[in-house]
């Protein structure tokens, strides 16, 4: 039996026809904000933030360099 995928119908708020795409942020911006929020929540501790995000600490460090965070 084929597996069905669930793709919800676009809502008016996000439908390109309604001009709602302005509210959609690029994924890189969302990721950056999420990582920086995790760093704040962990008091700047990269090891704790990486663990909370479920990523390796080297991945976190690479992302912070990408974002220009020291």
N, C-alpha and C. Protein backbone atom coordinates (compact mmCIF):
# COMPACT_ATOMS: atom_id res chain seq x y z
N UNK A 1 0.84 -1.17 0.00
CA UNK A 1 0.00 0.00 0.00
C UNK A 1 0.90 1.25 0.00
N UNK A 2 0.67 2.21 -0.91
CA UNK A 2 1.54 3.38 -0.96
C UNK A 2 1.38 4.27 0.28
N UNK A 3 2.48 4.87 0.65
CA UNK A 3 2.47 5.78 1.79
C UNK A 3 1.95 7.13 1.34
N UNK A 4 1.02 7.68 2.10
CA UNK A 4 0.48 8.99 1.78
C UNK A 4 1.26 10.05 2.55
N UNK A 5 1.50 11.16 1.90
CA UNK A 5 2.12 12.27 2.59
C UNK A 5 1.06 13.32 2.85
N UNK A 6 1.19 13.96 3.97
CA UNK A 6 0.22 14.97 4.34
C UNK A 6 0.81 16.35 4.06
N UNK A 7 0.24 17.05 3.11
CA UNK A 7 0.64 18.41 2.81
C UNK A 7 -0.57 19.30 3.06
N UNK A 8 -0.55 20.02 4.18
CA UNK A 8 -1.71 20.85 4.48
C UNK A 8 -1.90 21.92 3.41
N UNK A 9 -3.15 22.24 3.17
CA UNK A 9 -3.46 23.29 2.19
C UNK A 9 -2.97 24.62 2.74
N UNK A 10 -2.43 25.47 1.88
CA UNK A 10 -1.96 26.75 2.37
C UNK A 10 -3.12 27.59 2.91
N UNK A 11 -2.85 28.26 3.99
CA UNK A 11 -3.87 29.14 4.57
C UNK A 11 -3.77 30.50 3.88
N UNK A 12 -4.79 31.29 4.02
CA UNK A 12 -4.77 32.61 3.40
C UNK A 12 -3.59 33.44 3.91
N UNK A 13 -3.24 33.28 5.17
CA UNK A 13 -2.15 34.07 5.74
C UNK A 13 -0.81 33.78 5.07
N UNK A 14 -0.66 32.57 4.51
CA UNK A 14 0.61 32.20 3.91
C UNK A 14 0.51 31.96 2.41
N UNK A 15 -0.62 32.17 1.85
CA UNK A 15 -0.81 31.94 0.43
C UNK A 15 -0.16 33.04 -0.39
N UNK A 16 0.68 32.69 -1.37
CA UNK A 16 1.29 33.71 -2.20
C UNK A 16 0.26 34.60 -2.89
N UNK A 17 -0.91 34.05 -3.20
CA UNK A 17 -1.95 34.83 -3.87
C UNK A 17 -2.47 35.95 -2.99
N UNK A 18 -2.41 35.76 -1.67
CA UNK A 18 -2.91 36.79 -0.76
C UNK A 18 -1.83 37.77 -0.34
N UNK A 19 -0.61 37.55 -0.85
CA UNK A 19 0.49 38.44 -0.47
C UNK A 19 1.02 38.17 0.91
N UNK A 20 0.73 37.00 1.49
CA UNK A 20 1.14 36.67 2.85
C UNK A 20 2.57 36.20 2.98
N UNK A 21 3.32 36.14 1.91
CA UNK A 21 4.68 35.62 2.00
C UNK A 21 5.63 36.54 2.74
N UNK A 22 5.26 37.80 2.94
CA UNK A 22 6.13 38.71 3.66
C UNK A 22 6.35 38.25 5.10
N UNK A 23 5.41 37.51 5.66
CA UNK A 23 5.54 37.02 7.03
C UNK A 23 6.44 35.80 7.13
N UNK A 24 6.77 35.21 6.01
CA UNK A 24 7.63 34.02 6.01
C UNK A 24 9.08 34.47 5.95
N UNK A 25 9.84 34.08 6.98
CA UNK A 25 11.25 34.45 7.06
C UNK A 25 12.12 33.36 6.46
N UNK A 26 13.27 33.73 5.91
CA UNK A 26 14.19 32.71 5.40
C UNK A 26 14.61 31.76 6.53
N UNK A 27 14.76 30.50 6.20
CA UNK A 27 15.12 29.49 7.19
C UNK A 27 16.42 29.83 7.90
N UNK A 28 17.38 30.38 7.19
CA UNK A 28 18.67 30.75 7.81
C UNK A 28 18.47 31.78 8.91
N UNK A 29 17.55 32.72 8.71
CA UNK A 29 17.28 33.74 9.75
C UNK A 29 16.63 33.11 10.97
N UNK A 30 15.71 32.19 10.73
CA UNK A 30 15.04 31.51 11.84
C UNK A 30 16.05 30.67 12.62
N UNK A 31 16.93 29.96 11.89
CA UNK A 31 17.95 29.14 12.54
C UNK A 31 18.88 30.01 13.39
N UNK A 32 19.32 31.13 12.83
CA UNK A 32 20.22 32.04 13.54
C UNK A 32 19.57 32.52 14.83
N UNK A 33 18.34 32.98 14.75
CA UNK A 33 17.64 33.46 15.95
C UNK A 33 17.48 32.36 16.98
N UNK A 34 17.17 31.15 16.53
CA UNK A 34 16.97 30.03 17.45
C UNK A 34 18.28 29.68 18.16
N UNK A 35 19.37 29.66 17.42
CA UNK A 35 20.67 29.36 18.01
C UNK A 35 21.07 30.45 18.99
N UNK A 36 20.88 31.69 18.63
CA UNK A 36 21.25 32.78 19.53
C UNK A 36 20.37 32.79 20.79
N UNK A 37 19.11 32.44 20.65
CA UNK A 37 18.23 32.32 21.83
C UNK A 37 18.71 31.19 22.73
N UNK A 38 19.14 30.08 22.15
CA UNK A 38 19.65 28.96 22.94
C UNK A 38 20.92 29.37 23.67
N UNK A 39 21.78 30.13 22.99
CA UNK A 39 23.01 30.60 23.64
C UNK A 39 22.68 31.51 24.82
N UNK A 40 21.71 32.40 24.66
CA UNK A 40 21.31 33.28 25.78
C UNK A 40 20.72 32.46 26.92
N UNK A 41 19.88 31.50 26.58
CA UNK A 41 19.23 30.68 27.61
C UNK A 41 20.24 29.86 28.40
N UNK A 42 21.36 29.54 27.75
CA UNK A 42 22.40 28.73 28.41
C UNK A 42 23.53 29.60 28.94
N UNK A 43 23.29 30.89 29.04
CA UNK A 43 24.29 31.79 29.60
C UNK A 43 25.58 31.86 28.80
N UNK A 44 25.50 31.61 27.50
CA UNK A 44 26.68 31.67 26.65
C UNK A 44 27.48 30.38 26.62
N UNK A 45 27.04 29.37 27.34
CA UNK A 45 27.76 28.09 27.39
C UNK A 45 27.47 27.30 26.11
N UNK A 46 28.49 27.18 25.26
CA UNK A 46 28.31 26.52 23.97
C UNK A 46 28.00 25.04 24.10
N UNK A 47 28.59 24.38 25.06
CA UNK A 47 28.36 22.94 25.23
C UNK A 47 26.90 22.69 25.64
N UNK A 48 26.40 23.49 26.58
CA UNK A 48 25.01 23.34 27.01
C UNK A 48 24.05 23.71 25.89
N UNK A 49 24.34 24.78 25.16
CA UNK A 49 23.47 25.20 24.06
C UNK A 49 23.43 24.14 22.97
N UNK A 50 24.58 23.58 22.63
CA UNK A 50 24.63 22.54 21.60
C UNK A 50 23.81 21.33 22.04
N UNK A 51 23.94 20.94 23.30
CA UNK A 51 23.17 19.81 23.81
C UNK A 51 21.68 20.11 23.76
N UNK A 52 21.29 21.32 24.14
CA UNK A 52 19.88 21.69 24.13
C UNK A 52 19.32 21.69 22.71
N UNK A 53 20.16 22.08 21.75
CA UNK A 53 19.74 22.12 20.35
C UNK A 53 19.81 20.75 19.67
N UNK A 54 20.48 19.81 20.32
CA UNK A 54 20.61 18.47 19.73
C UNK A 54 21.62 18.41 18.60
N UNK A 55 22.64 19.28 18.69
CA UNK A 55 23.70 19.29 17.68
C UNK A 55 25.05 19.15 18.37
N UNK A 56 26.06 18.80 17.60
CA UNK A 56 27.41 18.67 18.14
C UNK A 56 27.96 20.07 18.41
N UNK A 57 28.79 20.19 19.42
CA UNK A 57 29.32 21.52 19.77
C UNK A 57 30.14 22.13 18.64
N UNK A 58 30.81 21.29 17.83
CA UNK A 58 31.56 21.83 16.69
C UNK A 58 30.62 22.42 15.63
N UNK A 59 29.45 21.82 15.47
CA UNK A 59 28.46 22.37 14.55
C UNK A 59 27.98 23.72 15.04
N UNK A 60 27.75 23.82 16.35
CA UNK A 60 27.34 25.10 16.92
C UNK A 60 28.42 26.15 16.72
N UNK A 61 29.65 25.79 16.98
CA UNK A 61 30.75 26.73 16.80
C UNK A 61 30.84 27.22 15.35
N UNK A 62 30.67 26.30 14.41
CA UNK A 62 30.69 26.65 12.99
C UNK A 62 29.58 27.65 12.67
N UNK A 63 28.39 27.40 13.19
CA UNK A 63 27.25 28.29 12.96
C UNK A 63 27.52 29.67 13.58
N UNK A 64 28.09 29.72 14.76
CA UNK A 64 28.38 30.99 15.40
C UNK A 64 29.39 31.80 14.59
N UNK A 65 30.38 31.12 14.03
CA UNK A 65 31.34 31.80 13.16
C UNK A 65 30.64 32.35 11.92
N UNK A 66 29.75 31.54 11.34
CA UNK A 66 28.96 31.99 10.17
C UNK A 66 28.20 33.26 10.49
N UNK A 67 27.65 33.35 11.70
CA UNK A 67 26.82 34.47 12.10
C UNK A 67 27.64 35.63 12.63
N UNK A 68 28.96 35.45 12.72
CA UNK A 68 29.82 36.53 13.21
C UNK A 68 29.75 36.72 14.70
N UNK A 69 29.37 35.67 15.43
CA UNK A 69 29.28 35.74 16.89
C UNK A 69 30.58 35.21 17.47
N UNK A 70 31.14 35.96 18.44
CA UNK A 70 32.41 35.53 19.05
C UNK A 70 32.17 34.91 20.39
